[in-house]
Amino acid sequence: MAVLFIVALATVGALVLFFWWKQERIVFQPPRGPHSEVGDVERVTYSAEDEQQLFAFVIRPVGQEVVQSHSPSFSTQPLFLIAFHGNADLAERVVPWAKEVARRTERVVVLAEYRGYGGLPGIPTVAGARFDARAALRFTRDSLGAHANGIALYGHSLGSAIAAELAAEMQPEVLILESPFTSARAMARIVVAKPIELVWGMISRVHYDTEARVQEIDAPVWVAHGTRDMVIPVRMGQRVFQSAKRKGEFLAVSEAGHNDVAAAGDPYWRWITKALGRRTPGE
């Protein structure tokens, strides 16, 4: 009996050590293999505060030119949406969605990429993703001419946590979350083994808490979630929305899973167009 107990304890200890060491590699899963060329989209480069090289795709509405932020006329200022994709996705894969958003809302969409993704060097981490998000915001303001009140944020899945963290720092015009989770600790109860869950709070370096962040954000929070999401249950999206300090609208997409919410078609596009309705920056 004593031997079995020691073996069981050693097994649990080994699992705890493994999860402590690998936890951010479990959270961030950049796709491997060759990357597609996105030839008809502007690709911009910039650096994070730790000098990590980054890039983003910039999708502009047809005929719209960027006006620098020192322009005296707010009416000529473009509106922006900075978008953060999920943990196993790539910015290049989101380009078709971004083109449709730009077409429907007349916003400039900035698809930010993370370190370690899309051919970028570096290892993705929670701290690194925070730097990367801030860098995308800084580039949008300083180089693309975004007005302080003309920036909305969007995040899908893990990107929703990254967007919510950034929103709590800068207070965007609107925060749009698609398939969000409430917190990393709550997700651990779903994805890790029971023995690990019991000590996850002590060993975790991943402290995303979207439910808490939306309570700090003065901007309206819009949430969409598939009712058949098998990765992040719809109840999490509902809870994030209910916790928001300011609420936009919640869209439950019947029959949609984790990655196909936009496939709802007109209901989805009406929802996101309403969230990003044309405004004059500074309103």
Protein backbone atom coordinates (compact mmCIF):
# COMPACT_ATOMS: atom_id res chain seq x y z
CA MET A 1 0.00 0.00 0.00
CA ALA A 2 2.81 2.37 0.92
CA VAL A 3 4.54 1.66 -2.39
CA LEU A 4 1.36 2.38 -4.34
CA PHE A 5 0.91 5.65 -2.44
CA ILE A 6 4.47 6.70 -3.21
CA VAL A 7 4.04 5.81 -6.88
CA ALA A 8 0.77 7.75 -7.06
CA LEU A 9 2.33 10.74 -5.31
CA ALA A 10 5.33 10.64 -7.64
CA THR A 11 3.04 10.46 -10.67
CA VAL A 12 1.03 13.47 -9.53
CA GLY A 13 4.24 15.33 -8.74
CA ALA A 14 5.59 14.59 -12.20
CA LEU A 15 2.36 15.82 -13.79
CA VAL A 16 2.45 19.01 -11.72
CA LEU A 17 6.06 19.63 -12.75
CA PHE A 18 5.20 18.96 -16.40
CA PHE A 19 2.26 21.38 -16.38
CA TRP A 20 4.29 24.04 -14.54
CA TRP A 21 7.04 23.79 -17.16
CA LYS A 22 4.83 23.47 -20.25
CA GLN A 23 1.76 25.48 -19.27
CA GLU A 24 2.32 28.41 -21.63
CA ARG A 25 3.08 26.03 -24.49
CA ILE A 26 -0.25 24.40 -23.78
CA VAL A 27 -1.99 27.79 -23.84
CA PHE A 28 -0.19 29.09 -26.94
CA GLN A 29 -0.17 26.62 -29.84
CA PRO A 30 1.14 28.37 -32.97
CA PRO A 31 0.41 26.34 -36.12
CA ARG A 32 3.47 24.74 -37.67
CA GLY A 33 4.34 24.41 -41.32
CA PRO A 34 4.50 26.85 -44.24
CA HIS A 35 2.53 30.07 -44.11
CA SER A 36 0.37 31.45 -46.88
CA GLU A 37 1.29 34.60 -48.72
CA VAL A 38 -1.34 37.31 -48.34
CA GLY A 39 -0.44 39.27 -51.42
CA ASP A 40 -3.26 41.78 -51.64
CA VAL A 41 -3.08 42.99 -48.03
CA GLU A 42 -0.76 45.55 -46.47
CA ARG A 43 1.74 44.01 -44.04
CA VAL A 44 3.33 46.37 -41.53
CA THR A 45 6.17 45.76 -39.09
CA TYR A 46 6.90 47.24 -35.67
CA SER A 47 8.58 46.33 -32.38
CA ALA A 48 7.34 45.55 -28.88
CA GLU A 49 8.78 47.24 -25.82
CA ASP A 50 11.20 44.32 -25.33
CA GLU A 51 12.40 44.80 -28.96
CA GLN A 52 10.59 41.71 -30.26
CA GLN A 53 9.90 42.15 -33.98
CA LEU A 54 6.21 41.91 -34.88
CA PHE A 55 3.88 42.42 -37.80
CA ALA A 56 0.22 43.02 -38.53
CA PHE A 57 -2.01 43.00 -41.57
CA VAL A 58 -3.86 46.25 -42.22
CA ILE A 59 -7.12 46.00 -44.12
CA ARG A 60 -8.60 49.32 -45.20
CA PRO A 61 -12.07 50.05 -46.55
CA VAL A 62 -12.03 50.61 -50.29
CA GLY A 63 -11.03 54.17 -51.09
CA GLN A 64 -10.14 55.14 -47.53
CA GLU A 65 -6.81 56.80 -46.84
CA VAL A 66 -5.24 57.13 -43.43
CA VAL A 67 -5.32 60.66 -42.04
CA GLN A 68 -2.66 61.48 -39.49
CA SER A 69 -3.74 61.97 -35.90
CA HIS A 70 -2.77 65.64 -35.88
CA SER A 71 -5.43 66.44 -38.46
CA PRO A 72 -7.66 69.23 -37.11
CA SER A 73 -10.80 67.65 -38.59
CA PHE A 74 -12.18 64.67 -36.67
CA SER A 75 -14.66 64.08 -39.47
CA THR A 76 -11.82 62.91 -41.71
CA GLN A 77 -10.36 60.58 -39.10
CA PRO A 78 -10.67 56.86 -39.87
CA LEU A 79 -11.98 54.47 -37.26
CA PHE A 80 -9.98 51.37 -36.33
CA LEU A 81 -10.50 47.84 -35.07
CA ILE A 82 -7.51 45.96 -33.63
CA ALA A 83 -8.16 42.21 -33.74
CA PHE A 84 -6.47 39.43 -31.75
CA HIS A 85 -6.89 35.84 -32.94
CA GLY A 86 -7.09 32.60 -30.96
CA ASN A 87 -4.29 30.44 -29.60
CA ALA A 88 -4.06 28.01 -32.55
CA ASP A 89 -4.80 30.48 -35.33
CA LEU A 90 -2.83 32.93 -37.46
CA ALA A 91 -3.48 36.53 -38.49
CA GLU A 92 -3.27 35.51 -42.16
CA ARG A 93 -6.21 33.14 -41.72
CA VAL A 94 -8.41 35.95 -40.40
CA VAL A 95 -7.92 38.19 -43.45
CA PRO A 96 -11.20 37.21 -45.19
CA TRP A 97 -13.16 38.03 -42.02
CA ALA A 98 -11.30 41.34 -41.66
CA LYS A 99 -12.06 42.31 -45.25
CA GLU A 100 -15.76 41.77 -44.65
CA VAL A 101 -15.65 43.78 -41.41
CA ALA A 102 -13.85 46.64 -43.18
CA ARG A 103 -16.35 46.58 -46.03
CA ARG A 104 -19.39 46.61 -43.78
CA THR A 105 -18.22 49.06 -41.11
CA GLU A 106 -15.80 51.34 -43.01
CA ARG A 107 -13.16 50.70 -40.37
CA VAL A 108 -9.48 50.04 -40.80
CA VAL A 109 -8.87 46.55 -39.38
CA VAL A 110 -5.47 45.77 -37.85
CA LEU A 111 -4.84 42.02 -37.54
CA ALA A 112 -2.10 41.78 -34.93
CA GLU A 113 0.24 38.79 -34.88
CA TYR A 114 1.94 37.38 -31.78
CA ARG A 115 5.59 36.46 -31.29
CA GLY A 116 6.22 32.86 -32.26
CA TYR A 117 3.32 32.92 -34.74
CA GLY A 118 3.26 33.46 -38.48
CA GLY A 119 6.99 32.92 -38.87
CA LEU A 120 7.93 35.45 -36.19
CA PRO A 121 10.79 34.56 -33.83
CA GLY A 122 10.30 34.20 -30.11
CA ILE A 123 8.32 31.99 -27.76
CA PRO A 124 4.76 33.10 -27.01
CA THR A 125 4.02 33.75 -23.34
CA VAL A 126 1.41 35.63 -21.35
CA ALA A 127 3.82 38.49 -20.69
CA GLY A 128 4.94 38.48 -24.32
CA ALA A 129 1.36 38.59 -25.61
CA ARG A 130 0.73 41.58 -23.36
CA PHE A 131 3.73 43.36 -24.89
CA ASP A 132 2.57 42.40 -28.38
CA ALA A 133 -0.93 43.79 -27.82
CA ARG A 134 0.43 47.07 -26.49
CA ALA A 135 2.74 47.31 -29.48
CA ALA A 136 -0.16 46.86 -31.90
CA LEU A 137 -2.05 49.62 -30.13
CA ARG A 138 0.96 51.93 -30.14
CA PHE A 139 1.55 51.34 -33.85
CA THR A 140 -2.12 51.98 -34.63
CA ARG A 141 -2.00 55.28 -32.78
CA ASP A 142 1.42 56.53 -33.78
CA SER A 143 1.86 55.21 -37.31
CA LEU A 144 -1.67 54.75 -38.62
CA GLY A 145 -3.04 57.97 -37.17
CA ALA A 146 -5.79 56.56 -34.96
CA HIS A 147 -7.61 59.00 -32.73
CA ALA A 148 -7.66 58.03 -29.05
CA ASN A 149 -11.44 57.54 -29.10
CA GLY A 150 -11.59 55.87 -32.49
CA ILE A 151 -10.18 52.44 -31.63
CA ALA A 152 -12.29 49.34 -30.99
CA LEU A 153 -10.83 46.01 -29.87
CA TYR A 154 -11.81 42.49 -30.91
CA GLY A 155 -10.65 39.13 -29.62
CA HIS A 156 -11.52 35.52 -30.41
CA SER A 157 -10.99 32.73 -27.87
CA LEU A 158 -7.59 33.35 -26.23
CA GLY A 159 -7.50 36.63 -28.13
CA SER A 160 -10.55 37.73 -26.15
CA ALA A 161 -8.51 37.59 -22.93
CA ILE A 162 -5.67 39.52 -24.57
CA ALA A 163 -8.11 42.13 -25.91
CA ALA A 164 -9.84 42.47 -22.53
CA GLU A 165 -6.52 43.02 -20.74
CA LEU A 166 -5.56 45.73 -23.23
CA ALA A 167 -9.02 47.30 -22.98
CA ALA A 168 -8.68 47.60 -19.20
CA GLU A 169 -5.48 49.59 -19.77
CA MET A 170 -6.62 51.92 -22.57
CA GLN A 171 -10.46 52.02 -22.49
CA PRO A 172 -11.40 51.47 -26.14
CA GLU A 173 -14.44 52.73 -27.97
CA VAL A 174 -15.96 49.22 -28.03
CA LEU A 175 -14.78 45.77 -26.91
CA ILE A 176 -15.99 42.81 -28.99
CA LEU A 177 -15.40 39.30 -27.65
CA GLU A 178 -16.07 36.14 -29.62
CA SER A 179 -16.10 32.77 -27.83
CA PRO A 180 -14.47 34.15 -24.65
CA PHE A 181 -13.62 32.22 -21.50
CA THR A 182 -14.22 33.63 -18.03
CA SER A 183 -10.74 32.97 -16.64
CA ALA A 184 -7.73 30.74 -17.14
CA ARG A 185 -8.43 29.11 -13.79
CA ALA A 186 -11.98 28.24 -14.86
CA MET A 187 -10.67 26.82 -18.14
CA ALA A 188 -8.21 24.67 -16.18
CA ARG A 189 -11.15 22.88 -14.61
CA ILE A 190 -12.18 21.84 -18.11
CA VAL A 191 -8.86 20.96 -19.74
CA VAL A 192 -6.55 19.59 -17.02
CA ALA A 193 -6.76 16.44 -14.92
CA LYS A 194 -8.46 16.68 -11.53
CA PRO A 195 -5.26 16.31 -9.44
CA ILE A 196 -3.65 19.15 -11.39
CA GLU A 197 -6.72 21.35 -11.05
CA LEU A 198 -6.38 21.22 -7.27
CA VAL A 199 -2.94 22.87 -7.38
CA TRP A 200 -3.35 24.89 -10.58
CA GLY A 201 -3.83 28.14 -8.68
CA MET A 202 -0.43 27.66 -7.04
CA ILE A 203 1.56 26.68 -10.12
CA SER A 204 -0.13 28.70 -12.86
CA ARG A 205 1.64 31.59 -14.56
CA VAL A 206 -1.42 32.12 -16.75
CA HIS A 207 -3.71 34.52 -14.91
CA TYR A 208 -6.12 35.69 -17.58
CA ASP A 209 -9.39 36.79 -15.97
CA THR A 210 -11.72 38.23 -18.59
CA GLU A 211 -14.70 38.18 -16.25
CA ALA A 212 -12.85 40.55 -13.90
CA ARG A 213 -11.44 42.76 -16.66
CA VAL A 214 -14.83 43.55 -18.23
CA GLN A 215 -15.94 44.95 -14.88
CA GLU A 216 -13.18 47.57 -15.19
CA ILE A 217 -13.93 48.67 -18.75
CA ASP A 218 -16.07 51.74 -19.40
CA ALA A 219 -16.67 50.80 -23.05
CA PRO A 220 -19.64 48.65 -24.06
CA VAL A 221 -18.80 44.94 -24.23
CA TRP A 222 -20.33 42.86 -27.02
CA VAL A 223 -20.14 39.06 -26.86
CA ALA A 224 -20.93 36.33 -29.41
CA HIS A 225 -20.75 32.61 -28.67
CA GLY A 226 -21.74 29.40 -30.40
CA THR A 227 -24.25 27.29 -28.51
CA ARG A 228 -22.39 24.11 -29.51
CA ASP A 229 -18.90 25.32 -28.62
CA MET A 230 -17.06 22.22 -27.38
CA VAL A 231 -13.88 24.14 -26.47
CA ILE A 232 -15.22 27.03 -24.40
CA PRO A 233 -18.80 26.46 -23.25
CA VAL A 234 -21.38 29.10 -24.12
CA ARG A 235 -22.11 29.62 -20.43
CA MET A 236 -18.68 31.27 -20.13
CA GLY A 237 -19.51 33.80 -22.83
CA GLN A 238 -22.83 34.49 -21.12
CA ARG A 239 -21.10 35.02 -17.79
CA VAL A 240 -18.53 37.39 -19.29
CA PHE A 241 -21.33 39.44 -20.83
CA GLN A 242 -23.36 39.54 -17.61
CA SER A 243 -20.26 40.69 -15.70
CA ALA A 244 -19.57 43.62 -18.02
CA LYS A 245 -19.75 47.09 -16.53
CA ARG A 246 -21.36 48.33 -19.74
CA LYS A 247 -23.22 45.88 -21.93
CA GLY A 248 -23.63 45.95 -25.68
CA GLU A 249 -25.48 42.88 -26.96
CA PHE A 250 -25.02 39.15 -26.50
CA LEU A 251 -25.39 36.96 -29.59
CA ALA A 252 -25.93 33.23 -29.08
CA VAL A 253 -25.33 31.52 -32.42
CA SER A 254 -27.44 28.39 -32.62
CA GLU A 255 -25.57 25.27 -33.75
CA ALA A 256 -22.23 27.13 -34.05
CA GLY A 257 -19.06 25.70 -32.53
CA HIS A 258 -15.86 27.42 -31.45
CA ASN A 259 -14.51 28.65 -34.78
CA ASP A 260 -17.57 29.11 -36.97
CA VAL A 261 -19.63 31.79 -35.23
CA ALA A 262 -19.35 34.10 -38.25
CA ALA A 263 -20.89 31.34 -40.37
CA ALA A 264 -24.22 32.37 -38.86
CA GLY A 265 -24.33 34.87 -41.70
CA ASP A 266 -26.73 37.80 -41.47
CA PRO A 267 -27.39 37.62 -37.69
CA TYR A 268 -23.66 37.72 -37.00
CA TRP A 269 -22.94 40.50 -39.44
CA ARG A 270 -25.85 42.59 -38.17
CA TRP A 271 -24.50 42.13 -34.65
CA ILE A 272 -20.92 43.14 -35.39
CA THR A 273 -21.95 45.99 -37.70
CA LYS A 274 -24.18 47.37 -34.96
CA ALA A 275 -21.32 47.12 -32.47
CA LEU A 276 -18.98 48.98 -34.83
CA GLY A 277 -21.53 51.40 -36.26
CA ARG A 278 -20.03 54.40 -37.95
CA ARG A 279 -19.18 57.17 -35.50
CA THR A 280 -17.05 60.29 -35.59
CA PRO A 281 -13.90 59.77 -33.49
CA GLY A 282 -14.20 61.76 -30.29
CA GLU A 283 -17.97 61.27 -29.96
